[in-house]
Amino acid sequence: MNIQGKRVFISGSSRGIGFAIAKKFAENGACVLLNGGKDKAGLEKAWEEIKNINPGAEMYFFDVSDYDECKKAFEKMGDIDIIINNAGISHMGLFTDMKPEEWKRVIDVNLISAMNCTHLALPNMIRKKSGVIINISSMWGEKGASCEAAYSASKGGINAFTKAMAKEVGPSGIRVNAVACGVIETKMNEWISEEERQVLMDEISLERFGKPEEIGDLVLFLASDGASYINGQIITADGGMY
């Protein structure tokens, strides 16, 4: 798939990995559809920056974990060529200390949102027999992380969903892959102390955290014609941590 002129929806794209992905696609001539569901001011700021790169950028403020909100938004957006399911939140703490509404929110934002957006984008993709879906996962979806049980479960679900959907829609010319991120320099990881950062970096072969732009480059490649035979894969980008 040639990226030039393609309509690319990226959930949770007002900052961090999502914004870095949006920037890469805009720089390569794609019409980027940005999304956020909490920080409208932040989304508007991101939209203005992306518009300076490609004036065709669009902004949609809605909660991707709510199917009804998603449905209304997707009806407005029309055909989408590429879906990047990036929206995500984390929750640190013992599972025994979590409340049901807390782990439900993590699952809703991290997993259900991807299912919502995929479900709504697929009919047009199937009709055209063309499309790319890329889910942003985590190394913890495979390895599991202590004190991040709900987050790990949500990303494990993303991995299984990715593999299942690749088999289901591959015959329709649609590729589905996931990127399992390692420790990336984003606001989600700002809580890590300097001591904890050093411990983590000592476990990473490249001895540093990843950059959002590096994930953006990988996602851009997976959406391109260069990755036309890559389907149903969970590609880990963790700097050699595991």
C-alpha atoms as a PDB file:
ATOM      1  CA  MET A   1       0.000   0.000   0.000  1.00  0.00           C
ATOM      2  CA  ASN A   2       1.332   3.379  -1.019  1.00  0.00           C
ATOM      3  CA  ILE A   3       0.913   5.791   1.928  1.00  0.00           C
ATOM      4  CA  GLN A   4       0.496   8.909  -0.229  1.00  0.00           C
ATOM      5  CA  GLY A   5      -3.105  10.144  -0.048  1.00  0.00           C
ATOM      6  CA  LYS A   6      -4.308   7.323   2.216  1.00  0.00           C
ATOM      7  CA  ARG A   7      -6.740   8.096   5.034  1.00  0.00           C
ATOM      8  CA  VAL A   8      -5.194   6.985   8.318  1.00  0.00           C
ATOM      9  CA  PHE A   9      -7.091   6.966  11.612  1.00  0.00           C
ATOM     10  CA  ILE A  10      -4.942   6.925  14.767  1.00  0.00           C
ATOM     11  CA  SER A  11      -6.630   6.611  18.146  1.00  0.00           C
ATOM     12  CA  GLY A  12      -5.035   8.402  21.092  1.00  0.00           C
ATOM     13  CA  SER A  13      -2.940  10.588  18.812  1.00  0.00           C
ATOM     14  CA  SER A  14      -2.763  13.848  20.746  1.00  0.00           C
ATOM     15  CA  ARG A  15       0.614  12.992  22.265  1.00  0.00           C
ATOM     16  CA  GLY A  16       3.264  10.326  22.804  1.00  0.00           C
ATOM     17  CA  ILE A  17       3.452   7.337  20.489  1.00  0.00           C
ATOM     18  CA  GLY A  18       0.165   8.183  18.768  1.00  0.00           C
ATOM     19  CA  PHE A  19       1.311  11.693  17.874  1.00  0.00           C
ATOM     20  CA  ALA A  20       4.694  10.425  16.664  1.00  0.00           C
ATOM     21  CA  ILE A  21       2.890   7.959  14.387  1.00  0.00           C
ATOM     22  CA  ALA A  22       0.589  10.705  13.102  1.00  0.00           C
ATOM     23  CA  LYS A  23       3.574  12.912  12.298  1.00  0.00           C
ATOM     24  CA  LYS A  24       5.344  10.157  10.343  1.00  0.00           C
ATOM     25  CA  PHE A  25       2.264   9.450   8.237  1.00  0.00           C
ATOM     26  CA  ALA A  26       1.620  13.153   7.588  1.00  0.00           C
ATOM     27  CA  GLU A  27       5.243  13.628   6.497  1.00  0.00           C
ATOM     28  CA  ASN A  28       4.729  10.832   3.986  1.00  0.00           C
ATOM     29  CA  GLY A  29       1.646  12.360   2.416  1.00  0.00           C
ATOM     30  CA  ALA A  30      -1.157  10.582   4.272  1.00  0.00           C
ATOM     31  CA  CYS A  31      -4.380  12.269   5.328  1.00  0.00           C
ATOM     32  CA  VAL A  32      -4.194  11.795   9.094  1.00  0.00           C
ATOM     33  CA  LEU A  33      -7.337  11.558  11.210  1.00  0.00           C
ATOM     34  CA  LEU A  34      -6.353  12.361  14.781  1.00  0.00           C
ATOM     35  CA  ASN A  35      -8.328  11.220  17.804  1.00  0.00           C
ATOM     36  CA  GLY A  36      -8.496  11.929  21.501  1.00  0.00           C
ATOM     37  CA  GLY A  37     -11.197  11.432  24.083  1.00  0.00           C
ATOM     38  CA  LYS A  38     -10.022  13.256  27.176  1.00  0.00           C
ATOM     39  CA  ASP A  39      -7.754  16.239  26.490  1.00  0.00           C
ATOM     40  CA  LYS A  40      -9.448  18.320  23.797  1.00  0.00           C
ATOM     41  CA  ALA A  41      -6.968  21.180  24.082  1.00  0.00           C
ATOM     42  CA  GLY A  42      -4.086  18.762  23.629  1.00  0.00           C
ATOM     43  CA  LEU A  43      -5.758  17.204  20.598  1.00  0.00           C
ATOM     44  CA  GLU A  44      -6.345  20.609  19.014  1.00  0.00           C
ATOM     45  CA  LYS A  45      -2.683  21.504  19.539  1.00  0.00           C
ATOM     46  CA  ALA A  46      -1.590  18.244  17.917  1.00  0.00           C
ATOM     47  CA  TRP A  47      -3.989  18.821  15.026  1.00  0.00           C
ATOM     48  CA  GLU A  48      -2.569  22.293  14.363  1.00  0.00           C
ATOM     49  CA  GLU A  49       0.949  20.872  14.234  1.00  0.00           C
ATOM     50  CA  ILE A  50      -0.012  18.027  11.919  1.00  0.00           C
ATOM     51  CA  LYS A  51      -1.936  20.427   9.653  1.00  0.00           C
ATOM     52  CA  ASN A  52       1.276  22.407   9.166  1.00  0.00           C
ATOM     53  CA  ILE A  53       2.788  19.243   7.706  1.00  0.00           C
ATOM     54  CA  ASN A  54      -0.274  18.152   5.726  1.00  0.00           C
ATOM     55  CA  PRO A  55      -3.289  20.512   5.528  1.00  0.00           C
ATOM     56  CA  GLY A  56      -5.609  17.554   4.940  1.00  0.00           C
ATOM     57  CA  ALA A  57      -5.386  16.412   8.561  1.00  0.00           C
ATOM     58  CA  GLU A  58      -8.688  15.992  10.433  1.00  0.00           C
ATOM     59  CA  MET A  59      -9.526  15.904  14.148  1.00  0.00           C
ATOM     60  CA  TYR A  60     -12.170  13.793  15.923  1.00  0.00           C
ATOM     61  CA  PHE A  61     -12.787  14.109  19.643  1.00  0.00           C
ATOM     62  CA  PHE A  62     -14.563  11.020  21.002  1.00  0.00           C
ATOM     63  CA  ASP A  63     -14.076   8.106  23.388  1.00  0.00           C
ATOM     64  CA  VAL A  64     -12.949   5.063  21.388  1.00  0.00           C
ATOM     65  CA  SER A  65     -13.931   2.758  24.254  1.00  0.00           C
ATOM     66  CA  ASP A  66     -17.598   3.728  23.718  1.00  0.00           C
ATOM     67  CA  TYR A  67     -19.021   1.864  20.716  1.00  0.00           C
ATOM     68  CA  ASP A  68     -21.885   4.302  20.131  1.00  0.00           C
ATOM     69  CA  GLU A  69     -19.513   7.285  20.076  1.00  0.00           C
ATOM     70  CA  CYS A  70     -17.226   5.364  17.722  1.00  0.00           C
ATOM     71  CA  LYS A  71     -20.073   4.547  15.369  1.00  0.00           C
ATOM     72  CA  LYS A  72     -21.136   8.197  15.046  1.00  0.00           C
ATOM     73  CA  ALA A  73     -17.547   9.292  14.440  1.00  0.00           C
ATOM     74  CA  PHE A  74     -16.812   6.606  11.858  1.00  0.00           C
ATOM     75  CA  GLU A  75     -19.940   7.573   9.939  1.00  0.00           C
ATOM     76  CA  LYS A  76     -18.546  11.126   9.715  1.00  0.00           C
ATOM     77  CA  MET A  77     -15.044  10.008   8.773  1.00  0.00           C
ATOM     78  CA  GLY A  78     -16.105   7.823   5.853  1.00  0.00           C
ATOM     79  CA  ASP A  79     -13.668   5.411   4.200  1.00  0.00           C
ATOM     80  CA  ILE A  80     -10.471   4.705   6.106  1.00  0.00           C
ATOM     81  CA  ASP A  81      -7.535   2.899   4.532  1.00  0.00           C
ATOM     82  CA  ILE A  82      -5.395   2.352   7.617  1.00  0.00           C
ATOM     83  CA  ILE A  83      -6.375   1.989  11.282  1.00  0.00           C
ATOM     84  CA  ILE A  84      -3.810   2.435  14.056  1.00  0.00           C
ATOM     85  CA  ASN A  85      -5.315   1.297  17.357  1.00  0.00           C
ATOM     86  CA  ASN A  86      -3.038   3.159  19.749  1.00  0.00           C
ATOM     87  CA  ALA A  87      -5.255   4.464  22.585  1.00  0.00           C
ATOM     88  CA  GLY A  88      -4.087   3.150  25.927  1.00  0.00           C
ATOM     89  CA  ILE A  89      -3.812   3.772  29.649  1.00  0.00           C
ATOM     90  CA  SER A  90      -1.912   2.035  32.419  1.00  0.00           C
ATOM     91  CA  HIS A  91      -2.520   1.329  36.100  1.00  0.00           C
ATOM     92  CA  MET A  92       0.285   0.590  38.530  1.00  0.00           C
ATOM     93  CA  GLY A  93      -0.478  -1.290  41.739  1.00  0.00           C
ATOM     94  CA  LEU A  94      -1.273  -4.645  43.237  1.00  0.00           C
ATOM     95  CA  PHE A  95      -4.210  -6.366  41.573  1.00  0.00           C
ATOM     96  CA  THR A  96      -5.693  -7.086  45.015  1.00  0.00           C
ATOM     97  CA  ASP A  97      -5.857  -3.329  45.607  1.00  0.00           C
ATOM     98  CA  MET A  98      -7.651  -2.586  42.333  1.00  0.00           C
ATOM     99  CA  LYS A  99     -11.369  -1.977  42.112  1.00  0.00           C
ATOM    100  CA  PRO A 100     -13.423  -3.675  39.381  1.00  0.00           C
ATOM    101  CA  GLU A 101     -14.152  -0.329  37.730  1.00  0.00           C
ATOM    102  CA  GLU A 102     -10.402   0.363  37.527  1.00  0.00           C
ATOM    103  CA  TRP A 103      -9.468  -2.821  35.692  1.00  0.00           C
ATOM    104  CA  LYS A 104     -12.584  -2.530  33.531  1.00  0.00           C
ATOM    105  CA  ARG A 105     -11.458   0.934  32.424  1.00  0.00           C
ATOM    106  CA  VAL A 106      -8.006  -0.374  31.488  1.00  0.00           C
ATOM    107  CA  ILE A 107      -9.541  -3.216  29.460  1.00  0.00           C
ATOM    108  CA  ASP A 108     -12.066  -0.880  27.825  1.00  0.00           C
ATOM    109  CA  VAL A 109      -9.495   1.694  26.701  1.00  0.00           C
ATOM    110  CA  ASN A 110      -6.720  -0.714  25.730  1.00  0.00           C
ATOM    111  CA  LEU A 111      -8.618  -3.636  24.208  1.00  0.00           C
ATOM    112  CA  ILE A 112     -12.291  -2.851  23.646  1.00  0.00           C
ATOM    113  CA  SER A 113     -11.408   0.386  21.826  1.00  0.00           C
ATOM    114  CA  ALA A 114      -9.360  -1.586  19.289  1.00  0.00           C
ATOM    115  CA  MET A 115     -12.248  -3.992  18.780  1.00  0.00           C
ATOM    116  CA  ASN A 116     -14.693  -1.089  18.371  1.00  0.00           C
ATOM    117  CA  CYS A 117     -12.611   0.711  15.742  1.00  0.00           C
ATOM    118  CA  THR A 118     -11.736  -2.476  13.883  1.00  0.00           C
ATOM    119  CA  HIS A 119     -15.380  -3.585  13.775  1.00  0.00           C
ATOM    120  CA  LEU A 120     -16.477  -0.252  12.317  1.00  0.00           C
ATOM    121  CA  ALA A 121     -13.655   0.105   9.790  1.00  0.00           C
ATOM    122  CA  LEU A 122     -13.789  -3.435   8.391  1.00  0.00           C
ATOM    123  CA  PRO A 123     -16.961  -3.312   6.240  1.00  0.00           C
ATOM    124  CA  ASN A 124     -15.469  -0.707   3.878  1.00  0.00           C
ATOM    125  CA  MET A 125     -12.079  -2.419   3.887  1.00  0.00           C
ATOM    126  CA  ILE A 126     -13.691  -5.743   3.012  1.00  0.00           C
ATOM    127  CA  ARG A 127     -15.707  -4.084   0.260  1.00  0.00           C
ATOM    128  CA  LYS A 128     -12.513  -2.610  -1.229  1.00  0.00           C
ATOM    129  CA  LYS A 129     -10.504  -5.781  -0.499  1.00  0.00           C
ATOM    130  CA  SER A 130      -7.770  -3.576   0.866  1.00  0.00           C
ATOM    131  CA  GLY A 131      -6.723  -2.225   4.255  1.00  0.00           C
ATOM    132  CA  VAL A 132      -4.192  -2.260   7.045  1.00  0.00           C
ATOM    133  CA  ILE A 133      -4.825  -2.513  10.783  1.00  0.00           C
ATOM    134  CA  ILE A 134      -1.978  -2.031  13.232  1.00  0.00           C
ATOM    135  CA  ASN A 135      -2.499  -2.465  16.967  1.00  0.00           C
ATOM    136  CA  ILE A 136      -0.109  -0.909  19.469  1.00  0.00           C
ATOM    137  CA  SER A 137       0.640  -3.524  22.103  1.00  0.00           C
ATOM    138  CA  SER A 138       3.325  -3.997  24.746  1.00  0.00           C
ATOM    139  CA  MET A 139       6.013  -6.483  25.671  1.00  0.00           C
ATOM    140  CA  TRP A 140       4.021  -6.990  28.881  1.00  0.00           C
ATOM    141  CA  GLY A 141       1.234  -8.509  26.794  1.00  0.00           C
ATOM    142  CA  GLU A 142       3.505 -11.492  26.274  1.00  0.00           C
ATOM    143  CA  LYS A 143       5.741 -11.440  29.358  1.00  0.00           C
ATOM    144  CA  GLY A 144       3.373 -10.059  31.991  1.00  0.00           C
ATOM    145  CA  ALA A 145       4.368  -7.358  34.467  1.00  0.00           C
ATOM    146  CA  SER A 146       4.052  -7.436  38.242  1.00  0.00           C
ATOM    147  CA  CYS A 147       1.727  -4.686  39.502  1.00  0.00           C
ATOM    148  CA  GLU A 148       0.357  -4.230  35.978  1.00  0.00           C
ATOM    149  CA  ALA A 149      -1.951  -7.227  35.773  1.00  0.00           C
ATOM    150  CA  ALA A 150      -4.852  -5.465  34.060  1.00  0.00           C
ATOM    151  CA  TYR A 151      -2.550  -3.700  31.611  1.00  0.00           C
ATOM    152  CA  SER A 152      -0.762  -6.965  30.792  1.00  0.00           C
ATOM    153  CA  ALA A 153      -4.106  -8.724  30.313  1.00  0.00           C
ATOM    154  CA  SER A 154      -5.357  -5.994  27.973  1.00  0.00           C
ATOM    155  CA  LYS A 155      -2.230  -6.161  25.819  1.00  0.00           C
ATOM    156  CA  GLY A 156      -2.278  -9.958  25.804  1.00  0.00           C
ATOM    157  CA  GLY A 157      -5.813  -9.631  24.486  1.00  0.00           C
ATOM    158  CA  ILE A 158      -4.604  -7.240  21.793  1.00  0.00           C
ATOM    159  CA  ASN A 159      -2.025  -9.807  20.670  1.00  0.00           C
ATOM    160  CA  ALA A 160      -4.575 -12.607  20.425  1.00  0.00           C
ATOM    161  CA  PHE A 161      -7.083 -10.312  18.698  1.00  0.00           C
ATOM    162  CA  THR A 162      -4.407  -9.325  16.166  1.00  0.00           C
ATOM    163  CA  LYS A 163      -3.577 -12.920  15.259  1.00  0.00           C
ATOM    164  CA  ALA A 164      -7.228 -13.939  15.032  1.00  0.00           C
ATOM    165  CA  MET A 165      -8.244 -10.989  12.863  1.00  0.00           C
ATOM    166  CA  ALA A 166      -5.290 -11.504  10.525  1.00  0.00           C
ATOM    167  CA  LYS A 167      -6.579 -15.007   9.775  1.00  0.00           C
ATOM    168  CA  GLU A 168     -10.173 -13.821   9.458  1.00  0.00           C
ATOM    169  CA  VAL A 169      -9.693 -10.877   7.099  1.00  0.00           C
ATOM    170  CA  GLY A 170      -6.478 -11.848   5.295  1.00  0.00           C
ATOM    171  CA  PRO A 171      -8.508 -13.459   2.472  1.00  0.00           C
ATOM    172  CA  SER A 172     -10.107 -10.025   1.946  1.00  0.00           C
ATOM    173  CA  GLY A 173      -6.720  -8.418   1.308  1.00  0.00           C
ATOM    174  CA  ILE A 174      -6.489  -6.850   4.766  1.00  0.00           C
ATOM    175  CA  ARG A 175      -3.351  -7.146   6.873  1.00  0.00           C
ATOM    176  CA  VAL A 176      -3.430  -7.018  10.681  1.00  0.00           C
ATOM    177  CA  ASN A 177      -0.274  -6.730  12.782  1.00  0.00           C
ATOM    178  CA  ALA A 178       0.762  -5.409  16.180  1.00  0.00           C
ATOM    179  CA  VAL A 179       3.787  -3.624  17.596  1.00  0.00           C
ATOM    180  CA  ALA A 180       4.709  -4.726  21.112  1.00  0.00           C
ATOM    181  CA  CYS A 181       6.497  -1.725  22.566  1.00  0.00           C
ATOM    182  CA  GLY A 182       9.165  -1.872  25.209  1.00  0.00           C
ATOM    183  CA  VAL A 183       9.915   1.052  27.522  1.00  0.00           C
ATOM    184  CA  ILE A 184       9.327   4.200  25.473  1.00  0.00           C
ATOM    185  CA  GLU A 185      10.018   7.817  26.473  1.00  0.00           C
ATOM    186  CA  THR A 186       6.423   9.008  26.964  1.00  0.00           C
ATOM    187  CA  LYS A 187       4.364  10.661  29.690  1.00  0.00           C
ATOM    188  CA  MET A 188       3.072   7.218  30.624  1.00  0.00           C
ATOM    189  CA  ASN A 189       6.549   6.425  31.962  1.00  0.00           C
ATOM    190  CA  GLU A 190       7.319   9.773  33.610  1.00  0.00           C
ATOM    191  CA  TRP A 191       6.572   8.329  37.053  1.00  0.00           C
ATOM    192  CA  ILE A 192       9.694   6.125  36.897  1.00  0.00           C
ATOM    193  CA  SER A 193      12.396   7.341  39.285  1.00  0.00           C
ATOM    194  CA  GLU A 194      15.990   7.843  38.152  1.00  0.00           C
ATOM    195  CA  GLU A 195      17.047   4.746  40.069  1.00  0.00           C
ATOM    196  CA  GLU A 196      14.313   2.666  38.456  1.00  0.00           C
ATOM    197  CA  ARG A 197      15.210   4.077  35.028  1.00  0.00           C
ATOM    198  CA  GLN A 198      18.784   2.907  35.454  1.00  0.00           C
ATOM    199  CA  VAL A 199      17.677  -0.572  36.537  1.00  0.00           C
ATOM    200  CA  LEU A 200      15.471  -0.822  33.452  1.00  0.00           C
ATOM    201  CA  MET A 201      18.186   0.455  31.106  1.00  0.00           C
ATOM    202  CA  ASP A 202      20.602  -2.110  32.517  1.00  0.00           C
ATOM    203  CA  GLU A 203      18.160  -4.787  31.328  1.00  0.00           C
ATOM    204  CA  ILE A 204      17.948  -3.359  27.793  1.00  0.00           C
ATOM    205  CA  SER A 205      20.633  -4.420  25.333  1.00  0.00           C
ATOM    206  CA  LEU A 206      20.715  -0.974  23.718  1.00  0.00           C
ATOM    207  CA  GLU A 207      20.991   0.597  27.204  1.00  0.00           C
ATOM    208  CA  ARG A 208      18.319   3.232  26.606  1.00  0.00           C
ATOM    209  CA  PHE A 209      14.569   3.753  26.371  1.00  0.00           C
ATOM    210  CA  GLY A 210      12.953   3.822  22.962  1.00  0.00           C
ATOM    211  CA  LYS A 211      11.760   6.973  21.262  1.00  0.00           C
ATOM    212  CA  PRO A 212       8.170   7.476  20.054  1.00  0.00           C
ATOM    213  CA  GLU A 213       9.574   8.348  16.632  1.00  0.00           C
ATOM    214  CA  GLU A 214      11.152   4.904  16.379  1.00  0.00           C
ATOM    215  CA  ILE A 215       7.761   3.298  16.896  1.00  0.00           C
ATOM    216  CA  GLY A 216       6.366   5.702  14.309  1.00  0.00           C
ATOM    217  CA  ASP A 217       8.938   4.519  11.756  1.00  0.00           C
ATOM    218  CA  LEU A 218       8.076   0.877  12.417  1.00  0.00           C
ATOM    219  CA  VAL A 219       4.323   1.451  12.128  1.00  0.00           C
ATOM    220  CA  LEU A 220       4.829   3.393   8.898  1.00  0.00           C
ATOM    221  CA  PHE A 221       6.794   0.482   7.459  1.00  0.00           C
ATOM    222  CA  LEU A 222       4.143  -2.054   8.484  1.00  0.00           C
ATOM    223  CA  ALA A 223       1.509   0.004   6.680  1.00  0.00           C
ATOM    224  CA  SER A 224       3.581   0.292   3.507  1.00  0.00           C
ATOM    225  CA  ASP A 225       3.937  -1.941   0.460  1.00  0.00           C
ATOM    226  CA  GLY A 226       7.313  -2.998   1.799  1.00  0.00           C
ATOM    227  CA  ALA A 227       5.498  -5.051   4.427  1.00  0.00           C
ATOM    228  CA  SER A 228       2.916  -6.502   2.035  1.00  0.00           C
ATOM    229  CA  TYR A 229       3.624 -10.102   3.110  1.00  0.00           C
ATOM    230  CA  ILE A 230       3.710  -9.433   6.847  1.00  0.00           C
ATOM    231  CA  ASN A 231       0.433 -10.451   8.476  1.00  0.00           C
ATOM    232  CA  GLY A 232      -0.675 -11.696  11.888  1.00  0.00           C
ATOM    233  CA  GLN A 233       2.620 -10.768  13.547  1.00  0.00           C
ATOM    234  CA  ILE A 234       3.404  -9.293  16.949  1.00  0.00           C
ATOM    235  CA  ILE A 235       6.597  -7.353  16.310  1.00  0.00           C
ATOM    236  CA  THR A 236       8.495  -6.494  19.469  1.00  0.00           C
ATOM    237  CA  ALA A 237      10.369  -3.198  19.667  1.00  0.00           C
ATOM    238  CA  ASP A 238      12.026  -3.289  23.091  1.00  0.00           C
ATOM    239  CA  GLY A 239      15.678  -2.577  22.370  1.00  0.00           C
ATOM    240  CA  GLY A 240      16.579  -6.176  23.141  1.00  0.00           C
ATOM    241  CA  MET A 241      15.148  -6.245  26.652  1.00  0.00           C
ATOM    242  CA  TYR A 242      13.692  -9.723  26.194  1.00  0.00           C
END
